[in-house]
Amino acid sequence: MASPRERAKKITEGAEEAVRKMEAIKEQTAESEEGEVEEQAVKPLDEVMGQAEQAYMAYMEAQRQVANAYHENEKLIARAYRRAEETANAGADSAIKQALKERDEKIARALKERDEAIARAEEAFRRVKEEAEKACEAAVESARKKREDALKQAWQIREETLEQAWSIYSKLSR
């Protein structure tokens, strides 16, 4: 199947050929001096003129058809582009929505994990603090007991030492 350009070129060549024939016949009729020759030339001239007119009309029709075909092709290309653009936009929108959804889900998971980690850390802190408080209280109680025991023992040694000293003094002073 010939392309629209090739068909238009053939039609144009046909019309040019018809115009050349018409010009040749005009030249022949102008050169002819006899009326008889003119009469005979008029019939072929009318015939060629009719052919030329038909060729020109066919050329004009072909040109109109080619223009219509190009316009229709432009419309088809524009529609195809719009469809491709819509498809691309829909794909991009879908991918963006999916990416945003995944981001939101990941952020929600991260927030939940962070909250759980904070809760675990606070619980661990509370336990360690309680253990430290208990250990501190036990150490303080132990230190007080040791101090009291040491003071009792020191007081007892003092008492014994004073008693010995008084007993020595009383023996000497007697």
C-alpha atoms as a PDB file:
ATOM      1  CA  MET A   1       0.000   0.000   0.000  1.00  0.00           C
ATOM      2  CA  ALA A   2       1.437   3.341  -1.038  1.00  0.00           C
ATOM      3  CA  SER A   3       1.907   5.989   1.597  1.00  0.00           C
ATOM      4  CA  PRO A   4      -0.181   9.166   1.382  1.00  0.00           C
ATOM      5  CA  ARG A   5       2.905  11.093   0.312  1.00  0.00           C
ATOM      6  CA  GLU A   6       3.634   8.699  -2.556  1.00  0.00           C
ATOM      7  CA  ARG A   7       0.018   8.827  -3.727  1.00  0.00           C
ATOM      8  CA  ALA A   8       0.051  12.623  -3.594  1.00  0.00           C
ATOM      9  CA  LYS A   9       3.318  12.664  -5.558  1.00  0.00           C
ATOM     10  CA  LYS A  10       1.847  10.402  -8.277  1.00  0.00           C
ATOM     11  CA  ILE A  11      -1.257  12.534  -8.517  1.00  0.00           C
ATOM     12  CA  THR A  12       0.861  15.666  -8.756  1.00  0.00           C
ATOM     13  CA  GLU A  13       2.974  14.088 -11.515  1.00  0.00           C
ATOM     14  CA  GLY A  14      -0.232  13.109 -13.405  1.00  0.00           C
ATOM     15  CA  ALA A  15      -1.574  16.622 -13.148  1.00  0.00           C
ATOM     16  CA  GLU A  16       1.738  18.080 -14.332  1.00  0.00           C
ATOM     17  CA  GLU A  17       1.713  15.706 -17.306  1.00  0.00           C
ATOM     18  CA  ALA A  18      -1.830  16.798 -18.196  1.00  0.00           C
ATOM     19  CA  VAL A  19      -0.798  20.453 -17.958  1.00  0.00           C
ATOM     20  CA  ARG A  20       2.204  19.770 -20.259  1.00  0.00           C
ATOM     21  CA  LYS A  21      -0.066  18.072 -22.793  1.00  0.00           C
ATOM     22  CA  MET A  22      -2.470  20.987 -22.611  1.00  0.00           C
ATOM     23  CA  GLU A  23       0.342  23.465 -23.231  1.00  0.00           C
ATOM     24  CA  ALA A  24       1.609  21.392 -26.160  1.00  0.00           C
ATOM     25  CA  ILE A  25      -1.841  21.380 -27.717  1.00  0.00           C
ATOM     26  CA  LYS A  26      -2.152  25.137 -27.214  1.00  0.00           C
ATOM     27  CA  GLU A  27       1.145  25.600 -28.989  1.00  0.00           C
ATOM     28  CA  GLN A  28      -0.033  23.384 -31.834  1.00  0.00           C
ATOM     29  CA  THR A  29      -3.248  25.308 -32.208  1.00  0.00           C
ATOM     30  CA  ALA A  30      -1.420  28.612 -32.132  1.00  0.00           C
ATOM     31  CA  GLU A  31       0.952  27.489 -34.858  1.00  0.00           C
ATOM     32  CA  SER A  32      -1.775  26.124 -37.050  1.00  0.00           C
ATOM     33  CA  GLU A  33      -3.006  28.607 -39.626  1.00  0.00           C
ATOM     34  CA  GLU A  34      -5.784  26.669 -41.128  1.00  0.00           C
ATOM     35  CA  GLY A  35      -9.278  26.593 -39.683  1.00  0.00           C
ATOM     36  CA  GLU A  36      -9.602  22.896 -40.338  1.00  0.00           C
ATOM     37  CA  VAL A  37      -6.648  22.052 -38.229  1.00  0.00           C
ATOM     38  CA  GLU A  38      -8.044  24.259 -35.502  1.00  0.00           C
ATOM     39  CA  GLU A  39     -11.346  22.427 -35.591  1.00  0.00           C
ATOM     40  CA  GLN A  40      -9.645  19.058 -35.337  1.00  0.00           C
ATOM     41  CA  ALA A  41      -7.340  20.350 -32.629  1.00  0.00           C
ATOM     42  CA  VAL A  42     -10.291  21.776 -30.692  1.00  0.00           C
ATOM     43  CA  LYS A  43     -11.784  18.332 -30.170  1.00  0.00           C
ATOM     44  CA  PRO A  44      -8.551  16.855 -28.806  1.00  0.00           C
ATOM     45  CA  LEU A  45      -7.988  20.114 -26.923  1.00  0.00           C
ATOM     46  CA  ASP A  46     -11.415  19.858 -25.315  1.00  0.00           C
ATOM     47  CA  GLU A  47     -10.694  16.246 -24.528  1.00  0.00           C
ATOM     48  CA  VAL A  48      -7.284  17.057 -23.039  1.00  0.00           C
ATOM     49  CA  MET A  49      -8.753  20.030 -21.185  1.00  0.00           C
ATOM     50  CA  GLY A  50     -11.419  17.741 -19.754  1.00  0.00           C
ATOM     51  CA  GLN A  51      -8.727  15.248 -18.762  1.00  0.00           C
ATOM     52  CA  ALA A  52      -6.680  18.055 -17.272  1.00  0.00           C
ATOM     53  CA  GLU A  53      -9.659  19.305 -15.321  1.00  0.00           C
ATOM     54  CA  GLN A  54     -10.394  15.779 -14.113  1.00  0.00           C
ATOM     55  CA  ALA A  55      -6.734  15.295 -13.224  1.00  0.00           C
ATOM     56  CA  TYR A  56      -6.686  18.614 -11.396  1.00  0.00           C
ATOM     57  CA  MET A  57      -9.930  17.773  -9.577  1.00  0.00           C
ATOM     58  CA  ALA A  58      -8.509  14.337  -8.703  1.00  0.00           C
ATOM     59  CA  TYR A  59      -5.306  16.058  -7.545  1.00  0.00           C
ATOM     60  CA  MET A  60      -7.270  18.495  -5.387  1.00  0.00           C
ATOM     61  CA  GLU A  61      -9.393  15.648  -3.967  1.00  0.00           C
ATOM     62  CA  ALA A  62      -6.274  13.614  -3.260  1.00  0.00           C
ATOM     63  CA  GLN A  63      -4.665  16.619  -1.608  1.00  0.00           C
ATOM     64  CA  ARG A  64      -7.787  17.085   0.553  1.00  0.00           C
ATOM     65  CA  GLN A  65      -7.769  13.372   1.428  1.00  0.00           C
ATOM     66  CA  VAL A  66      -4.070  13.530   2.307  1.00  0.00           C
ATOM     67  CA  ALA A  67      -4.690  16.577   4.516  1.00  0.00           C
ATOM     68  CA  ASN A  68      -7.631  14.809   6.159  1.00  0.00           C
ATOM     69  CA  ALA A  69      -5.510  11.697   6.668  1.00  0.00           C
ATOM     70  CA  TYR A  70      -2.764  13.788   8.268  1.00  0.00           C
ATOM     71  CA  HIS A  71      -5.297  15.551  10.510  1.00  0.00           C
ATOM     72  CA  GLU A  72      -6.849  12.230  11.493  1.00  0.00           C
ATOM     73  CA  ASN A  73      -3.382  10.820  12.164  1.00  0.00           C
ATOM     74  CA  GLU A  74      -2.591  13.843  14.349  1.00  0.00           C
ATOM     75  CA  LYS A  75      -5.807  13.247  16.300  1.00  0.00           C
ATOM     76  CA  LEU A  76      -4.957   9.552  16.746  1.00  0.00           C
ATOM     77  CA  ILE A  77      -1.447  10.413  17.892  1.00  0.00           C
ATOM     78  CA  ALA A  78      -2.828  13.027  20.311  1.00  0.00           C
ATOM     79  CA  ARG A  79      -5.306  10.483  21.729  1.00  0.00           C
ATOM     80  CA  ALA A  80      -2.573   7.872  22.049  1.00  0.00           C
ATOM     81  CA  TYR A  81      -0.362  10.416  23.808  1.00  0.00           C
ATOM     82  CA  ARG A  82      -3.193  11.361  26.182  1.00  0.00           C
ATOM     83  CA  ARG A  83      -3.804   7.685  26.957  1.00  0.00           C
ATOM     84  CA  ALA A  84      -0.088   7.136  27.554  1.00  0.00           C
ATOM     85  CA  GLU A  85       0.023  10.259  29.711  1.00  0.00           C
ATOM     86  CA  GLU A  86      -3.008   9.112  31.716  1.00  0.00           C
ATOM     87  CA  THR A  87      -1.491   5.662  32.121  1.00  0.00           C
ATOM     88  CA  ALA A  88       1.829   7.174  33.225  1.00  0.00           C
ATOM     89  CA  ASN A  89       0.056   9.534  35.638  1.00  0.00           C
ATOM     90  CA  ALA A  90      -2.056   6.717  37.049  1.00  0.00           C
ATOM     91  CA  GLY A  91       1.044   4.548  37.486  1.00  0.00           C
ATOM     92  CA  ALA A  92       2.950   7.364  39.137  1.00  0.00           C
ATOM     93  CA  ASP A  93       0.006   8.231  41.399  1.00  0.00           C
ATOM     94  CA  SER A  94      -0.364   4.588  42.374  1.00  0.00           C
ATOM     95  CA  ALA A  95       3.357   4.260  43.105  1.00  0.00           C
ATOM     96  CA  ILE A  96       3.311   7.492  45.131  1.00  0.00           C
ATOM     97  CA  LYS A  97       0.278   6.350  47.133  1.00  0.00           C
ATOM     98  CA  GLN A  98       1.948   2.988  47.786  1.00  0.00           C
ATOM     99  CA  ALA A  99       5.196   4.682  48.827  1.00  0.00           C
ATOM    100  CA  LEU A 100       3.328   7.041  51.174  1.00  0.00           C
ATOM    101  CA  LYS A 101       1.351   4.140  52.623  1.00  0.00           C
ATOM    102  CA  GLU A 102       4.529   2.118  53.206  1.00  0.00           C
ATOM    103  CA  ARG A 103       6.231   5.158  54.753  1.00  0.00           C
ATOM    104  CA  ASP A 104       3.272   5.727  57.099  1.00  0.00           C
ATOM    105  CA  GLU A 105       3.222   2.042  58.076  1.00  0.00           C
ATOM    106  CA  LYS A 106       6.972   2.041  58.756  1.00  0.00           C
ATOM    107  CA  ILE A 107       6.714   5.235  60.795  1.00  0.00           C
ATOM    108  CA  ALA A 108       3.796   3.788  62.773  1.00  0.00           C
ATOM    109  CA  ARG A 109       5.801   0.593  63.433  1.00  0.00           C
ATOM    110  CA  ALA A 110       8.837   2.638  64.434  1.00  0.00           C
ATOM    111  CA  LEU A 111       6.734   4.786  66.787  1.00  0.00           C
ATOM    112  CA  LYS A 112       5.192   1.671  68.336  1.00  0.00           C
ATOM    113  CA  GLU A 113       8.617   0.063  68.747  1.00  0.00           C
ATOM    114  CA  ARG A 114       9.991   3.314  70.185  1.00  0.00           C
ATOM    115  CA  ASP A 115       7.106   3.542  72.669  1.00  0.00           C
ATOM    116  CA  GLU A 116       7.627  -0.103  73.634  1.00  0.00           C
ATOM    117  CA  ALA A 117      11.370   0.478  73.998  1.00  0.00           C
ATOM    118  CA  ILE A 118      10.718   3.554  76.145  1.00  0.00           C
ATOM    119  CA  ALA A 119       8.283   1.555  78.275  1.00  0.00           C
ATOM    120  CA  ARG A 120      10.840  -1.267  78.657  1.00  0.00           C
ATOM    121  CA  ALA A 121      13.576   1.238  79.472  1.00  0.00           C
ATOM    122  CA  GLU A 122      11.363   2.987  82.043  1.00  0.00           C
ATOM    123  CA  GLU A 123      10.445  -0.384  83.587  1.00  0.00           C
ATOM    124  CA  ALA A 124      14.118  -1.394  83.658  1.00  0.00           C
ATOM    125  CA  PHE A 125      15.006   1.996  85.169  1.00  0.00           C
ATOM    126  CA  ARG A 126      12.273   1.590  87.804  1.00  0.00           C
ATOM    127  CA  ARG A 127      13.513  -1.911  88.710  1.00  0.00           C
ATOM    128  CA  VAL A 128      17.152  -0.823  88.879  1.00  0.00           C
ATOM    129  CA  LYS A 129      16.172   2.223  90.926  1.00  0.00           C
ATOM    130  CA  GLU A 130      14.171   0.057  93.359  1.00  0.00           C
ATOM    131  CA  GLU A 131      17.060  -2.403  93.602  1.00  0.00           C
ATOM    132  CA  ALA A 132      19.492   0.474  94.140  1.00  0.00           C
ATOM    133  CA  GLU A 133      17.202   1.954  96.818  1.00  0.00           C
ATOM    134  CA  LYS A 134      16.930  -1.429  98.533  1.00  0.00           C
ATOM    135  CA  ALA A 135      20.672  -1.992  98.265  1.00  0.00           C
ATOM    136  CA  CYS A 136      21.300   1.506  99.604  1.00  0.00           C
ATOM    137  CA  GLU A 137      18.874   1.018 102.490  1.00  0.00           C
ATOM    138  CA  ALA A 138      20.471  -2.345 103.280  1.00  0.00           C
ATOM    139  CA  ALA A 139      23.959  -0.826 103.123  1.00  0.00           C
ATOM    140  CA  VAL A 140      22.865   2.110 105.316  1.00  0.00           C
ATOM    141  CA  GLU A 141      21.204  -0.257 107.809  1.00  0.00           C
ATOM    142  CA  SER A 142      24.285  -2.453 107.799  1.00  0.00           C
ATOM    143  CA  ALA A 143      26.520   0.583 108.344  1.00  0.00           C
ATOM    144  CA  ARG A 144      24.312   1.782 111.234  1.00  0.00           C
ATOM    145  CA  LYS A 145      24.395  -1.645 112.831  1.00  0.00           C
ATOM    146  CA  LYS A 146      28.142  -1.827 112.469  1.00  0.00           C
ATOM    147  CA  ARG A 147      28.446   1.668 113.909  1.00  0.00           C
ATOM    148  CA  GLU A 148      26.150   0.784 116.813  1.00  0.00           C
ATOM    149  CA  ASP A 149      28.063  -2.447 117.393  1.00  0.00           C
ATOM    150  CA  ALA A 150      31.347  -0.597 117.169  1.00  0.00           C
ATOM    151  CA  LEU A 151      30.067   2.095 119.548  1.00  0.00           C
ATOM    152  CA  LYS A 152      28.722  -0.540 121.951  1.00  0.00           C
ATOM    153  CA  GLN A 153      31.988  -2.366 121.824  1.00  0.00           C
ATOM    154  CA  ALA A 154      33.943   0.871 122.242  1.00  0.00           C
ATOM    155  CA  TRP A 155      31.672   1.859 125.133  1.00  0.00           C
ATOM    156  CA  GLN A 156      32.127  -1.527 126.699  1.00  0.00           C
ATOM    157  CA  ILE A 157      35.922  -1.284 126.336  1.00  0.00           C
ATOM    158  CA  ARG A 158      35.770   2.218 127.787  1.00  0.00           C
ATOM    159  CA  GLU A 159      33.705   0.978 130.692  1.00  0.00           C
ATOM    160  CA  GLU A 160      36.085  -1.891 131.281  1.00  0.00           C
ATOM    161  CA  THR A 161      39.083   0.372 130.951  1.00  0.00           C
ATOM    162  CA  LEU A 162      37.576   2.910 133.378  1.00  0.00           C
ATOM    163  CA  GLU A 163      36.693   0.163 135.753  1.00  0.00           C
ATOM    164  CA  GLN A 164      40.222  -1.160 135.637  1.00  0.00           C
ATOM    165  CA  ALA A 165      41.610   2.318 136.026  1.00  0.00           C
ATOM    166  CA  TRP A 166      39.387   2.936 139.078  1.00  0.00           C
ATOM    167  CA  SER A 167      40.230  -0.342 140.457  1.00  0.00           C
ATOM    168  CA  ILE A 168      43.947   0.401 140.113  1.00  0.00           C
ATOM    169  CA  TYR A 169      43.463   3.873 141.513  1.00  0.00           C
ATOM    170  CA  SER A 170      41.430   2.581 144.381  1.00  0.00           C
ATOM    171  CA  LYS A 171      44.083   0.022 145.199  1.00  0.00           C
ATOM    172  CA  LEU A 172      46.749   2.639 145.068  1.00  0.00           C
ATOM    173  CA  SER A 173      44.850   5.118 147.068  1.00  0.00           C
ATOM    174  CA  ARG A 174      44.138   2.916 149.860  1.00  0.00           C
END
